[in-house]
Amino acid sequence: MTARIPALEPPYEPAVAARLETMMPAGVAPIGLFRTFVRNLPMAAAMHTWGAYELGRELSVSMRAREIVIDRTTARCGAEYEWGVHVAFFADKAPLTPAEVRSLTHGGPADECWVHACDRVLVELVDQLHDSADVDDDLWRRLTVEYAPEQVLDLIVLCGWYHAVSFVARAARVEREPFAPTFGSVASPAG
């Protein structure tokens, strides 16, 4: 697959280098998606502010809840690039088991790995938002048993945000990161 919008390569212009430094942890080379975003510096700056909130400590849900939503959203969008980056960087920290990663990618909320209602409703939330851009009354009731109103708002916007990120990664044909797993690598328990 050839990138439709090639990611910038070093050496970077000073403004680009400065923006990229804010987008990754210290000492970590910028990923292809961010090197694509900086082709439009004003957009990259605006996205950074929101992205920092979505991945930061101010988000009202746990890293685990966040990563369940992101991994399911990106899998449902077919955005293997973004899914792989998140699995590589966050699956162990979340923590997500191999069975949970497999389920988020190839399974569903009824899979045996989802033993806690707070996790299962997140998978259902992403699926309903993806399929209908809405949440039915039954899921809303179960979701609000597990999560406070501010958390529900964060979860819905997080899902929408990663739809947008998925659209860019797929439409621009951002090239896969060498460290990132693929959908196929988690397709079976032997994976």
N, C-alpha and C. Protein backbone atom coordinates (compact mmCIF):
# COMPACT_ATOMS: atom_id res chain seq x y z
N MET A 1 0.85 -1.17 0.00
CA MET A 1 0.00 0.00 0.00
C MET A 1 0.89 1.24 0.00
N THR A 2 0.61 2.14 -0.88
CA THR A 2 1.36 3.38 -0.98
C THR A 2 0.55 4.51 -0.34
N ALA A 3 1.24 5.27 0.49
CA ALA A 3 0.58 6.40 1.15
C ALA A 3 0.09 7.39 0.11
N ARG A 4 -1.15 7.85 0.28
CA ARG A 4 -1.70 8.89 -0.60
C ARG A 4 -1.19 10.26 -0.21
N ILE A 5 -0.96 10.45 1.08
CA ILE A 5 -0.35 11.67 1.60
C ILE A 5 0.89 11.19 2.36
N PRO A 6 2.03 11.22 1.71
CA PRO A 6 3.24 10.70 2.36
C PRO A 6 3.57 11.46 3.65
N ALA A 7 3.94 10.71 4.66
CA ALA A 7 4.37 11.30 5.92
C ALA A 7 5.67 12.06 5.69
N LEU A 8 5.82 13.19 6.36
CA LEU A 8 7.07 13.95 6.26
C LEU A 8 8.21 13.13 6.85
N GLU A 9 9.38 13.31 6.29
CA GLU A 9 10.59 12.64 6.75
C GLU A 9 11.58 13.69 7.22
N PRO A 10 12.45 13.34 8.17
CA PRO A 10 13.47 14.30 8.59
C PRO A 10 14.46 14.54 7.47
N PRO A 11 15.15 15.67 7.51
CA PRO A 11 15.10 16.70 8.55
C PRO A 11 13.83 17.55 8.40
N TYR A 12 13.28 17.94 9.55
CA TYR A 12 12.04 18.71 9.57
C TYR A 12 12.35 20.20 9.68
N GLU A 13 11.46 21.00 9.11
CA GLU A 13 11.53 22.44 9.32
C GLU A 13 11.34 22.69 10.83
N PRO A 14 11.87 23.77 11.38
CA PRO A 14 11.79 24.01 12.82
C PRO A 14 10.36 23.94 13.39
N ALA A 15 9.39 24.54 12.71
CA ALA A 15 8.01 24.53 13.23
C ALA A 15 7.44 23.11 13.24
N VAL A 16 7.76 22.33 12.22
CA VAL A 16 7.30 20.94 12.15
C VAL A 16 7.96 20.12 13.26
N ALA A 17 9.27 20.28 13.42
CA ALA A 17 10.00 19.55 14.47
C ALA A 17 9.43 19.89 15.85
N ALA A 18 9.14 21.15 16.08
CA ALA A 18 8.59 21.57 17.37
C ALA A 18 7.22 20.94 17.61
N ARG A 19 6.37 20.90 16.60
CA ARG A 19 5.04 20.30 16.75
C ARG A 19 5.17 18.80 17.00
N LEU A 20 6.01 18.13 16.25
CA LEU A 20 6.18 16.68 16.43
C LEU A 20 6.70 16.34 17.83
N GLU A 21 7.56 17.19 18.37
CA GLU A 21 8.08 16.95 19.72
C GLU A 21 6.96 16.96 20.76
N THR A 22 5.92 17.74 20.52
CA THR A 22 4.81 17.80 21.47
C THR A 22 3.86 16.60 21.33
N MET A 23 3.98 15.87 20.24
CA MET A 23 3.01 14.82 19.94
C MET A 23 3.43 13.43 20.41
N MET A 24 4.69 13.27 20.79
CA MET A 24 5.20 11.97 21.19
C MET A 24 5.92 12.09 22.53
N PRO A 25 6.02 10.98 23.28
CA PRO A 25 6.83 11.02 24.50
C PRO A 25 8.29 11.34 24.16
N ALA A 26 9.00 11.93 25.10
CA ALA A 26 10.40 12.29 24.89
C ALA A 26 11.20 11.07 24.45
N GLY A 27 12.00 11.26 23.42
CA GLY A 27 12.88 10.20 22.95
C GLY A 27 12.24 9.18 22.02
N VAL A 28 10.93 9.32 21.76
CA VAL A 28 10.24 8.39 20.86
C VAL A 28 10.04 9.08 19.52
N ALA A 29 10.48 8.40 18.46
CA ALA A 29 10.35 8.96 17.11
C ALA A 29 8.88 9.14 16.76
N PRO A 30 8.53 10.20 16.04
CA PRO A 30 7.13 10.44 15.68
C PRO A 30 6.59 9.37 14.73
N ILE A 31 5.39 8.93 15.00
CA ILE A 31 4.75 7.92 14.17
C ILE A 31 4.28 8.54 12.85
N GLY A 32 4.02 7.67 11.89
CA GLY A 32 3.63 8.11 10.55
C GLY A 32 2.37 8.96 10.53
N LEU A 33 1.40 8.63 11.36
CA LEU A 33 0.17 9.41 11.38
C LEU A 33 0.45 10.86 11.77
N PHE A 34 1.27 11.06 12.78
CA PHE A 34 1.59 12.42 13.21
C PHE A 34 2.43 13.14 12.16
N ARG A 35 3.31 12.41 11.48
CA ARG A 35 4.11 13.01 10.42
C ARG A 35 3.24 13.33 9.20
N THR A 36 2.09 12.70 9.11
CA THR A 36 1.10 13.05 8.09
C THR A 36 0.31 14.28 8.53
N PHE A 37 -0.15 14.28 9.77
CA PHE A 37 -0.90 15.43 10.29
C PHE A 37 -0.14 16.74 10.11
N VAL A 38 1.19 16.73 10.34
CA VAL A 38 1.94 17.99 10.31
C VAL A 38 2.11 18.56 8.91
N ARG A 39 1.60 17.89 7.91
CA ARG A 39 1.54 18.50 6.57
C ARG A 39 0.58 19.69 6.59
N ASN A 40 -0.31 19.71 7.60
CA ASN A 40 -1.22 20.84 7.83
C ASN A 40 -1.00 21.27 9.28
N LEU A 41 -0.03 22.14 9.51
CA LEU A 41 0.36 22.51 10.87
C LEU A 41 -0.78 23.09 11.71
N PRO A 42 -1.63 23.99 11.19
CA PRO A 42 -2.72 24.48 12.02
C PRO A 42 -3.67 23.34 12.46
N MET A 43 -3.96 22.41 11.55
CA MET A 43 -4.81 21.28 11.90
C MET A 43 -4.13 20.40 12.95
N ALA A 44 -2.83 20.14 12.76
CA ALA A 44 -2.09 19.30 13.72
C ALA A 44 -2.08 19.94 15.10
N ALA A 45 -1.94 21.26 15.16
CA ALA A 45 -1.96 21.95 16.46
C ALA A 45 -3.33 21.82 17.12
N ALA A 46 -4.38 22.02 16.34
CA ALA A 46 -5.73 21.91 16.89
C ALA A 46 -6.02 20.48 17.34
N MET A 47 -5.63 19.52 16.53
CA MET A 47 -5.86 18.12 16.89
C MET A 47 -5.06 17.72 18.12
N HIS A 48 -3.87 18.27 18.26
CA HIS A 48 -3.03 17.92 19.40
C HIS A 48 -3.71 18.27 20.72
N THR A 49 -4.34 19.42 20.75
CA THR A 49 -5.01 19.84 21.99
C THR A 49 -6.09 18.83 22.38
N TRP A 50 -6.93 18.45 21.44
CA TRP A 50 -7.99 17.50 21.76
C TRP A 50 -7.42 16.11 22.01
N GLY A 51 -6.47 15.69 21.18
CA GLY A 51 -5.87 14.37 21.36
C GLY A 51 -5.18 14.23 22.71
N ALA A 52 -4.55 15.32 23.17
CA ALA A 52 -3.90 15.29 24.48
C ALA A 52 -4.93 15.10 25.58
N TYR A 53 -6.11 15.67 25.42
CA TYR A 53 -7.18 15.44 26.39
C TYR A 53 -7.63 13.98 26.34
N GLU A 54 -7.88 13.48 25.14
CA GLU A 54 -8.39 12.11 25.00
C GLU A 54 -7.43 11.06 25.55
N LEU A 55 -6.14 11.32 25.47
CA LEU A 55 -5.14 10.36 25.95
C LEU A 55 -4.54 10.77 27.29
N GLY A 56 -5.04 11.85 27.88
CA GLY A 56 -4.44 12.38 29.10
C GLY A 56 -5.16 11.99 30.37
N ARG A 57 -4.65 12.51 31.44
CA ARG A 57 -5.16 12.19 32.78
C ARG A 57 -6.49 12.89 33.10
N GLU A 58 -6.85 13.91 32.33
CA GLU A 58 -8.11 14.61 32.58
C GLU A 58 -9.32 13.83 32.06
N LEU A 59 -9.12 12.91 31.13
CA LEU A 59 -10.22 12.08 30.65
C LEU A 59 -10.83 11.37 31.85
N SER A 60 -12.13 11.32 31.92
CA SER A 60 -12.81 10.85 33.14
C SER A 60 -12.90 9.33 33.26
N VAL A 61 -12.39 8.59 32.30
CA VAL A 61 -12.44 7.12 32.37
C VAL A 61 -11.02 6.57 32.47
N SER A 62 -10.92 5.33 32.89
CA SER A 62 -9.62 4.68 33.04
C SER A 62 -8.95 4.44 31.69
N MET A 63 -7.66 4.20 31.74
CA MET A 63 -6.94 3.84 30.52
C MET A 63 -7.54 2.58 29.91
N ARG A 64 -7.94 1.64 30.72
CA ARG A 64 -8.53 0.40 30.21
C ARG A 64 -9.81 0.71 29.43
N ALA A 65 -10.71 1.48 30.00
CA ALA A 65 -11.95 1.84 29.30
C ALA A 65 -11.63 2.59 28.02
N ARG A 66 -10.70 3.52 28.10
CA ARG A 66 -10.29 4.29 26.92
C ARG A 66 -9.80 3.37 25.82
N GLU A 67 -8.93 2.44 26.16
CA GLU A 67 -8.35 1.57 25.14
C GLU A 67 -9.36 0.56 24.59
N ILE A 68 -10.30 0.12 25.40
CA ILE A 68 -11.37 -0.74 24.87
C ILE A 68 -12.13 0.03 23.79
N VAL A 69 -12.49 1.26 24.09
CA VAL A 69 -13.23 2.07 23.11
C VAL A 69 -12.39 2.34 21.87
N ILE A 70 -11.14 2.73 22.05
CA ILE A 70 -10.29 3.03 20.90
C ILE A 70 -10.04 1.79 20.05
N ASP A 71 -9.68 0.69 20.68
CA ASP A 71 -9.37 -0.52 19.91
C ASP A 71 -10.60 -1.05 19.18
N ARG A 72 -11.75 -1.01 19.83
CA ARG A 72 -12.96 -1.48 19.16
C ARG A 72 -13.36 -0.54 18.02
N THR A 73 -13.27 0.76 18.27
CA THR A 73 -13.63 1.74 17.24
C THR A 73 -12.73 1.59 16.02
N THR A 74 -11.44 1.54 16.24
CA THR A 74 -10.52 1.46 15.10
C THR A 74 -10.65 0.12 14.38
N ALA A 75 -10.92 -0.95 15.12
CA ALA A 75 -11.16 -2.24 14.47
C ALA A 75 -12.43 -2.20 13.63
N ARG A 76 -13.50 -1.66 14.20
CA ARG A 76 -14.76 -1.57 13.44
C ARG A 76 -14.62 -0.68 12.21
N CYS A 77 -13.76 0.32 12.28
CA CYS A 77 -13.52 1.20 11.13
C CYS A 77 -12.54 0.59 10.13
N GLY A 78 -11.96 -0.56 10.47
CA GLY A 78 -10.98 -1.17 9.58
C GLY A 78 -9.67 -0.41 9.54
N ALA A 79 -9.39 0.37 10.57
CA ALA A 79 -8.19 1.20 10.63
C ALA A 79 -7.07 0.44 11.32
N GLU A 80 -6.52 -0.52 10.59
CA GLU A 80 -5.48 -1.39 11.15
C GLU A 80 -4.27 -0.60 11.64
N TYR A 81 -3.93 0.49 10.94
CA TYR A 81 -2.80 1.32 11.36
C TYR A 81 -3.01 1.81 12.80
N GLU A 82 -4.11 2.53 13.03
CA GLU A 82 -4.33 3.14 14.34
C GLU A 82 -4.57 2.09 15.41
N TRP A 83 -5.30 1.04 15.06
CA TRP A 83 -5.52 -0.07 15.99
C TRP A 83 -4.18 -0.65 16.42
N GLY A 84 -3.29 -0.92 15.45
CA GLY A 84 -2.00 -1.53 15.75
C GLY A 84 -1.13 -0.67 16.63
N VAL A 85 -1.13 0.65 16.39
CA VAL A 85 -0.35 1.56 17.23
C VAL A 85 -0.87 1.52 18.67
N HIS A 86 -2.18 1.54 18.83
CA HIS A 86 -2.73 1.52 20.20
C HIS A 86 -2.49 0.18 20.88
N VAL A 87 -2.64 -0.91 20.18
CA VAL A 87 -2.36 -2.21 20.79
C VAL A 87 -0.89 -2.27 21.19
N ALA A 88 0.00 -1.83 20.33
CA ALA A 88 1.43 -1.88 20.63
C ALA A 88 1.80 -1.02 21.84
N PHE A 89 1.25 0.20 21.90
CA PHE A 89 1.63 1.12 22.97
C PHE A 89 0.86 0.91 24.28
N PHE A 90 -0.40 0.46 24.20
CA PHE A 90 -1.24 0.52 25.39
C PHE A 90 -1.87 -0.79 25.86
N ALA A 91 -1.90 -1.84 25.05
CA ALA A 91 -2.61 -3.05 25.47
C ALA A 91 -2.08 -3.61 26.79
N ASP A 92 -0.79 -3.65 26.95
CA ASP A 92 -0.23 -4.18 28.20
C ASP A 92 -0.47 -3.24 29.37
N LYS A 93 -0.45 -1.93 29.11
CA LYS A 93 -0.64 -0.95 30.18
C LYS A 93 -2.10 -0.87 30.62
N ALA A 94 -3.04 -1.25 29.76
CA ALA A 94 -4.47 -1.02 30.02
C ALA A 94 -5.03 -1.81 31.20
N PRO A 95 -4.74 -2.99 31.55
CA PRO A 95 -4.19 -4.06 30.73
C PRO A 95 -5.31 -4.80 29.98
N LEU A 96 -4.99 -5.19 28.75
CA LEU A 96 -5.91 -6.01 27.95
C LEU A 96 -5.24 -7.35 27.68
N THR A 97 -5.97 -8.41 27.89
CA THR A 97 -5.44 -9.74 27.64
C THR A 97 -5.43 -10.02 26.13
N PRO A 98 -4.66 -11.00 25.69
CA PRO A 98 -4.72 -11.38 24.28
C PRO A 98 -6.14 -11.74 23.83
N ALA A 99 -6.90 -12.43 24.69
CA ALA A 99 -8.28 -12.78 24.33
C ALA A 99 -9.14 -11.53 24.17
N GLU A 100 -8.94 -10.53 25.01
CA GLU A 100 -9.70 -9.29 24.89
C GLU A 100 -9.32 -8.52 23.62
N VAL A 101 -8.03 -8.46 23.31
CA VAL A 101 -7.60 -7.80 22.07
C VAL A 101 -8.20 -8.52 20.87
N ARG A 102 -8.17 -9.84 20.89
CA ARG A 102 -8.75 -10.63 19.79
C ARG A 102 -10.25 -10.34 19.67
N SER A 103 -10.94 -10.30 20.80
CA SER A 103 -12.38 -10.04 20.79
C SER A 103 -12.69 -8.64 20.27
N LEU A 104 -11.91 -7.65 20.70
CA LEU A 104 -12.13 -6.28 20.23
C LEU A 104 -11.95 -6.17 18.72
N THR A 105 -11.13 -7.04 18.17
CA THR A 105 -10.78 -6.99 16.77
C THR A 105 -11.68 -7.88 15.91
N HIS A 106 -11.97 -9.07 16.41
CA HIS A 106 -12.67 -10.07 15.59
C HIS A 106 -13.93 -10.63 16.25
N GLY A 107 -14.22 -10.24 17.48
CA GLY A 107 -15.34 -10.84 18.21
C GLY A 107 -16.42 -9.85 18.54
N GLY A 108 -16.98 -10.03 19.74
CA GLY A 108 -18.07 -9.16 20.15
C GLY A 108 -18.28 -9.16 21.65
N PRO A 109 -19.26 -8.40 22.12
CA PRO A 109 -19.48 -8.24 23.55
C PRO A 109 -19.92 -9.51 24.27
N ALA A 110 -20.40 -10.51 23.54
CA ALA A 110 -20.82 -11.77 24.17
C ALA A 110 -19.66 -12.74 24.37
N ASP A 111 -18.47 -12.39 23.90
CA ASP A 111 -17.32 -13.29 24.07
C ASP A 111 -17.03 -13.51 25.54
N GLU A 112 -16.56 -14.72 25.88
CA GLU A 112 -16.32 -15.12 27.27
C GLU A 112 -15.34 -14.23 28.01
N CYS A 113 -14.44 -13.58 27.29
CA CYS A 113 -13.42 -12.77 27.95
C CYS A 113 -14.01 -11.55 28.66
N TRP A 114 -15.21 -11.13 28.27
CA TRP A 114 -15.82 -9.94 28.87
C TRP A 114 -16.63 -10.33 30.10
N VAL A 115 -15.93 -10.49 31.21
CA VAL A 115 -16.57 -10.95 32.44
C VAL A 115 -17.14 -9.81 33.27
N HIS A 116 -16.73 -8.59 32.99
CA HIS A 116 -17.21 -7.44 33.76
C HIS A 116 -18.15 -6.60 32.90
N ALA A 117 -19.31 -6.28 33.46
CA ALA A 117 -20.30 -5.49 32.73
C ALA A 117 -19.74 -4.15 32.28
N CYS A 118 -18.86 -3.54 33.07
CA CYS A 118 -18.30 -2.23 32.70
C CYS A 118 -17.49 -2.30 31.42
N ASP A 119 -16.88 -3.44 31.13
CA ASP A 119 -16.14 -3.61 29.87
C ASP A 119 -17.08 -3.97 28.72
N ARG A 120 -17.97 -4.88 28.98
CA ARG A 120 -18.90 -5.37 27.95
C ARG A 120 -19.75 -4.23 27.38
N VAL A 121 -20.23 -3.33 28.24
CA VAL A 121 -21.07 -2.24 27.74
C VAL A 121 -20.27 -1.28 26.84
N LEU A 122 -18.97 -1.20 27.05
CA LEU A 122 -18.15 -0.35 26.18
C LEU A 122 -18.09 -0.90 24.76
N VAL A 123 -17.94 -2.22 24.65
CA VAL A 123 -17.93 -2.85 23.33
C VAL A 123 -19.29 -2.64 22.66
N GLU A 124 -20.35 -2.82 23.42
CA GLU A 124 -21.69 -2.59 22.89
C GLU A 124 -21.91 -1.14 22.48
N LEU A 125 -21.40 -0.21 23.29
CA LEU A 125 -21.53 1.21 22.98
C LEU A 125 -20.87 1.53 21.64
N VAL A 126 -19.64 1.10 21.47
CA VAL A 126 -18.94 1.36 20.21
C VAL A 126 -19.71 0.75 19.05
N ASP A 127 -20.18 -0.48 19.21
CA ASP A 127 -20.91 -1.14 18.12
C ASP A 127 -22.17 -0.39 17.74
N GLN A 128 -22.94 0.04 18.75
CA GLN A 128 -24.17 0.77 18.44
C GLN A 128 -23.87 2.13 17.81
N LEU A 129 -22.90 2.84 18.35
CA LEU A 129 -22.56 4.14 17.75
C LEU A 129 -22.06 3.96 16.32
N HIS A 130 -21.25 2.94 16.10
CA HIS A 130 -20.72 2.68 14.76
C HIS A 130 -21.84 2.32 13.79
N ASP A 131 -22.76 1.47 14.24
CA ASP A 131 -23.82 0.97 13.36
C ASP A 131 -24.96 1.95 13.14
N SER A 132 -25.28 2.76 14.16
CA SER A 132 -26.49 3.58 14.05
C SER A 132 -26.31 5.04 14.45
N ALA A 133 -25.12 5.40 14.92
CA ALA A 133 -24.88 6.76 15.43
C ALA A 133 -25.83 7.11 16.57
N ASP A 134 -26.23 6.08 17.33
CA ASP A 134 -27.17 6.27 18.43
C ASP A 134 -26.95 5.15 19.44
N VAL A 135 -27.61 5.27 20.59
CA VAL A 135 -27.57 4.26 21.64
C VAL A 135 -29.00 3.97 22.04
N ASP A 136 -29.39 2.69 22.02
CA ASP A 136 -30.77 2.37 22.38
C ASP A 136 -30.98 2.50 23.90
N ASP A 137 -32.23 2.54 24.31
CA ASP A 137 -32.57 2.78 25.71
C ASP A 137 -32.03 1.70 26.64
N ASP A 138 -32.06 0.44 26.22
CA ASP A 138 -31.56 -0.64 27.08
C ASP A 138 -30.06 -0.46 27.34
N LEU A 139 -29.27 -0.24 26.30
CA LEU A 139 -27.84 -0.05 26.51
C LEU A 139 -27.58 1.22 27.30
N TRP A 140 -28.31 2.29 27.03
CA TRP A 140 -28.12 3.53 27.78
C TRP A 140 -28.31 3.29 29.27
N ARG A 141 -29.35 2.53 29.62
CA ARG A 141 -29.61 2.23 31.03
C ARG A 141 -28.43 1.46 31.63
N ARG A 142 -27.96 0.43 30.94
CA ARG A 142 -26.85 -0.37 31.44
C ARG A 142 -25.55 0.43 31.48
N LEU A 143 -25.34 1.30 30.50
CA LEU A 143 -24.15 2.14 30.45
C LEU A 143 -24.12 3.10 31.64
N THR A 144 -25.28 3.69 31.95
CA THR A 144 -25.33 4.68 33.04
C THR A 144 -25.33 4.05 34.42
N VAL A 145 -25.50 2.74 34.50
CA VAL A 145 -25.27 2.03 35.76
C VAL A 145 -23.77 1.94 36.03
N GLU A 146 -23.00 1.78 34.97
CA GLU A 146 -21.55 1.59 35.09
C GLU A 146 -20.75 2.89 35.07
N TYR A 147 -21.27 3.90 34.38
CA TYR A 147 -20.51 5.13 34.16
C TYR A 147 -21.36 6.37 34.48
N ALA A 148 -20.71 7.38 35.08
CA ALA A 148 -21.36 8.66 35.41
C ALA A 148 -21.58 9.47 34.13
N PRO A 149 -22.48 10.45 34.17
CA PRO A 149 -22.77 11.24 32.97
C PRO A 149 -21.53 11.83 32.29
N GLU A 150 -20.59 12.38 33.08
CA GLU A 150 -19.39 12.96 32.45
C GLU A 150 -18.54 11.89 31.76
N GLN A 151 -18.56 10.68 32.31
CA GLN A 151 -17.83 9.58 31.68
C GLN A 151 -18.52 9.14 30.39
N VAL A 152 -19.83 9.09 30.39
CA VAL A 152 -20.57 8.71 29.18
C VAL A 152 -20.28 9.71 28.07
N LEU A 153 -20.26 10.99 28.41
CA LEU A 153 -19.92 12.01 27.40
C LEU A 153 -18.52 11.78 26.85
N ASP A 154 -17.56 11.54 27.74
CA ASP A 154 -16.19 11.27 27.29
C ASP A 154 -16.14 10.04 26.39
N LEU A 155 -16.84 8.99 26.74
CA LEU A 155 -16.82 7.75 25.96
C LEU A 155 -17.40 7.94 24.56
N ILE A 156 -18.50 8.68 24.47
CA ILE A 156 -19.13 8.92 23.16
C ILE A 156 -18.22 9.76 22.27
N VAL A 157 -17.66 10.83 22.83
CA VAL A 157 -16.78 11.68 22.05
C VAL A 157 -15.49 10.93 21.68
N LEU A 158 -14.97 10.12 22.58
CA LEU A 158 -13.79 9.32 22.30
C LEU A 158 -14.03 8.42 21.09
N CYS A 159 -15.18 7.78 21.04
CA CYS A 159 -15.53 6.94 19.90
C CYS A 159 -15.58 7.77 18.63
N GLY A 160 -16.21 8.90 18.67
CA GLY A 160 -16.28 9.77 17.49
C GLY A 160 -14.92 10.29 17.07
N TRP A 161 -14.09 10.66 18.03
CA TRP A 161 -12.75 11.15 17.73
C TRP A 161 -11.96 10.08 16.98
N TYR A 162 -12.06 8.84 17.43
CA TYR A 162 -11.29 7.78 16.78
C TYR A 162 -11.92 7.33 15.46
N HIS A 163 -13.17 7.68 15.23
CA HIS A 163 -13.69 7.53 13.86
C HIS A 163 -12.94 8.51 12.95
N ALA A 164 -12.80 9.75 13.39
CA ALA A 164 -12.10 10.75 12.58
C ALA A 164 -10.65 10.35 12.34
N VAL A 165 -9.96 9.90 13.38
CA VAL A 165 -8.57 9.47 13.23
C VAL A 165 -8.50 8.28 12.27
N SER A 166 -9.45 7.36 12.38
CA SER A 166 -9.50 6.20 11.49
C SER A 166 -9.71 6.63 10.04
N PHE A 167 -10.57 7.61 9.83
CA PHE A 167 -10.81 8.10 8.47
C PHE A 167 -9.51 8.61 7.85
N VAL A 168 -8.74 9.39 8.61
CA VAL A 168 -7.49 9.92 8.09
C VAL A 168 -6.50 8.79 7.81
N ALA A 169 -6.32 7.90 8.78
CA ALA A 169 -5.35 6.82 8.62
C ALA A 169 -5.67 5.96 7.40
N ARG A 170 -6.96 5.66 7.21
CA ARG A 170 -7.34 4.82 6.08
C ARG A 170 -7.31 5.57 4.76
N ALA A 171 -7.94 6.74 4.70
CA ALA A 171 -8.04 7.46 3.44
C ALA A 171 -6.68 7.95 2.95
N ALA A 172 -5.80 8.35 3.87
CA ALA A 172 -4.47 8.82 3.48
C ALA A 172 -3.52 7.64 3.23
N ARG A 173 -3.98 6.43 3.60
CA ARG A 173 -3.16 5.22 3.45
C ARG A 173 -1.84 5.34 4.21
N VAL A 174 -1.94 5.75 5.48
CA VAL A 174 -0.75 5.85 6.32
C VAL A 174 -0.11 4.47 6.41
N GLU A 175 1.18 4.41 6.16
CA GLU A 175 1.89 3.14 6.13
C GLU A 175 2.04 2.57 7.54
N ARG A 176 1.85 1.26 7.66
CA ARG A 176 1.91 0.54 8.93
C ARG A 176 3.25 0.75 9.62
N GLU A 177 3.21 0.90 10.93
CA GLU A 177 4.43 1.01 11.73
C GLU A 177 5.03 -0.39 11.88
N PRO A 178 6.33 -0.54 11.75
CA PRO A 178 6.94 -1.86 11.82
C PRO A 178 6.75 -2.56 13.17
N PHE A 179 6.55 -1.81 14.24
CA PHE A 179 6.38 -2.39 15.56
C PHE A 179 4.94 -2.81 15.85
N ALA A 180 4.01 -2.42 15.00
CA ALA A 180 2.58 -2.60 15.30
C ALA A 180 2.08 -3.96 14.83
N PRO A 181 1.22 -4.61 15.64
CA PRO A 181 0.61 -5.85 15.20
C PRO A 181 -0.40 -5.58 14.08
N THR A 182 -0.85 -6.64 13.43
CA THR A 182 -1.87 -6.56 12.39
C THR A 182 -3.13 -7.25 12.89
N PHE A 183 -4.24 -6.99 12.22
CA PHE A 183 -5.48 -7.69 12.56
C PHE A 183 -5.27 -9.20 12.50
N GLY A 184 -4.56 -9.65 11.48
CA GLY A 184 -4.34 -11.08 11.31
C GLY A 184 -3.51 -11.70 12.41
N SER A 185 -2.62 -10.91 13.02
CA SER A 185 -1.75 -11.46 14.06
C SER A 185 -2.49 -11.80 15.34
N VAL A 186 -3.72 -11.32 15.50
CA VAL A 186 -4.51 -11.64 16.69
C VAL A 186 -5.78 -12.40 16.34
N ALA A 187 -5.81 -12.98 15.14
CA ALA A 187 -7.03 -13.65 14.67
C ALA A 187 -7.34 -14.95 15.38
N SER A 188 -6.34 -15.59 15.92
CA SER A 188 -6.59 -16.86 16.62
C SER A 188 -5.74 -16.90 17.88
N PRO A 189 -6.11 -17.79 18.83
CA PRO A 189 -5.34 -17.86 20.08
C PRO A 189 -3.85 -18.10 19.86
N ALA A 190 -3.50 -18.82 18.80
CA ALA A 190 -2.08 -19.05 18.52
C ALA A 190 -1.44 -17.79 17.97
N GLY A 191 -2.31 -16.86 17.43
CA GLY A 191 -2.02 -15.55 16.96
C GLY A 191 -0.75 -15.31 16.30
